Amino acid sequence: MIRTQIYLTDRQRSELAAISKTFGKKQSELIREAVDSLIDKAGHSRREIVLREAAGIWKDRANLPDFKAIRAEWDRD
C-alpha cells in the first residue's frame, strides 16, 4: 500500500472516528472502502457514457456487410 495524507474537516474526522468505533474497523480501512466505492461508482458512470456515445455510430454507414446474412450462416437448425 502507498501511504497518503488527506485533510479532513473536524466534522468528518469526528464522524469517521464514531463510525470506526461502531463497526470496529480502523479509520484507514473505512477510508479505503469509501474510495473503492467511489471508484466503482465512477467506473460504472464512465462505461455508461462511453456506451451512450458509441450507440448508433454505424447507423449511417453504407459499406457494412449484411449482418443478417452472416448471422444466418452461423445459425444451425
Protein backbone atom coordinates (compact mmCIF):
# COMPACT_ATOMS: atom_id res chain seq x y z
CA MET A 1 0.00 0.00 0.00
CA ILE A 2 1.01 3.58 -0.52
CA ARG A 3 0.87 6.00 2.36
CA THR A 4 -1.26 9.05 1.58
CA GLN A 5 -2.13 12.07 3.64
CA ILE A 6 -5.56 13.68 3.45
CA TYR A 7 -7.15 16.68 5.09
CA LEU A 8 -10.50 16.21 6.85
CA THR A 9 -12.80 18.75 8.40
CA ASP A 10 -13.40 18.49 12.14
CA ARG A 11 -16.85 17.06 11.44
CA GLN A 12 -15.50 14.46 9.01
CA ARG A 13 -12.83 13.41 11.49
CA SER A 14 -15.25 13.04 14.41
CA GLU A 15 -17.86 11.20 12.32
CA LEU A 16 -15.18 8.88 10.94
CA ALA A 17 -13.97 8.15 14.47
CA ALA A 18 -17.54 7.35 15.58
CA ILE A 19 -18.15 5.06 12.59
CA SER A 20 -14.82 3.38 13.25
CA LYS A 21 -15.82 2.56 16.81
CA THR A 22 -19.30 1.41 15.76
CA PHE A 23 -18.03 -1.03 13.13
CA GLY A 24 -14.81 -1.99 14.89
CA LYS A 25 -12.72 -1.02 11.89
CA LYS A 26 -9.70 1.23 11.57
CA GLN A 27 -10.33 4.65 10.09
CA SER A 28 -7.88 3.94 7.29
CA GLU A 29 -9.87 0.82 6.37
CA LEU A 30 -13.10 2.83 6.20
CA ILE A 31 -11.41 5.44 4.01
CA ARG A 32 -10.14 2.74 1.62
CA GLU A 33 -13.63 1.24 1.43
CA ALA A 34 -15.11 4.67 0.66
CA VAL A 35 -12.52 5.27 -2.06
CA ASP A 36 -13.22 1.83 -3.57
CA SER A 37 -16.94 2.61 -3.58
CA LEU A 38 -16.33 5.92 -5.35
CA ILE A 39 -14.08 4.25 -7.92
CA ASP A 40 -16.73 1.59 -8.63
CA LYS A 41 -19.45 4.22 -8.96
CA ALA A 42 -17.35 6.43 -11.23
CA GLY A 43 -16.32 3.41 -13.32
CA HIS A 44 -19.93 2.48 -13.99
CA SER A 45 -20.74 6.06 -14.95
CA ARG A 46 -17.78 6.25 -17.34
CA ARG A 47 -18.82 2.98 -19.00
CA GLU A 48 -22.39 4.22 -19.42
CA ILE A 49 -21.17 7.46 -21.01
CA VAL A 50 -18.92 5.61 -23.45
CA LEU A 51 -21.72 3.20 -24.40
CA ARG A 52 -24.15 6.07 -24.97
CA GLU A 53 -21.62 7.89 -27.13
CA ALA A 54 -20.94 4.73 -29.14
CA ALA A 55 -24.61 3.89 -29.71
CA GLY A 56 -25.55 4.25 -33.35
CA ILE A 57 -22.12 5.24 -34.62
CA TRP A 58 -22.51 2.90 -37.61
CA LYS A 59 -26.15 3.67 -38.37
CA ASP A 60 -25.41 5.77 -41.47
CA ARG A 61 -22.66 3.57 -42.89
CA ALA A 62 -23.46 2.10 -46.30
CA ASN A 63 -20.32 -0.02 -46.69
CA LEU A 64 -21.07 -2.58 -43.97
CA PRO A 65 -21.67 -6.26 -44.73
CA ASP A 66 -25.12 -7.81 -44.50
CA PHE A 67 -25.02 -8.87 -40.85
CA LYS A 68 -28.32 -10.75 -41.08
CA ALA A 69 -26.92 -12.95 -43.85
CA ILE A 70 -23.71 -13.55 -41.91
CA ARG A 71 -25.69 -14.42 -38.80
CA ALA A 72 -27.93 -16.77 -40.78
CA GLU A 73 -24.82 -18.69 -41.81
CA TRP A 74 -23.94 -19.18 -38.13
CA ASP A 75 -27.39 -20.32 -37.09
CA ARG A 76 -27.98 -24.01 -37.39
CA ASP A 77 -31.28 -25.80 -37.28
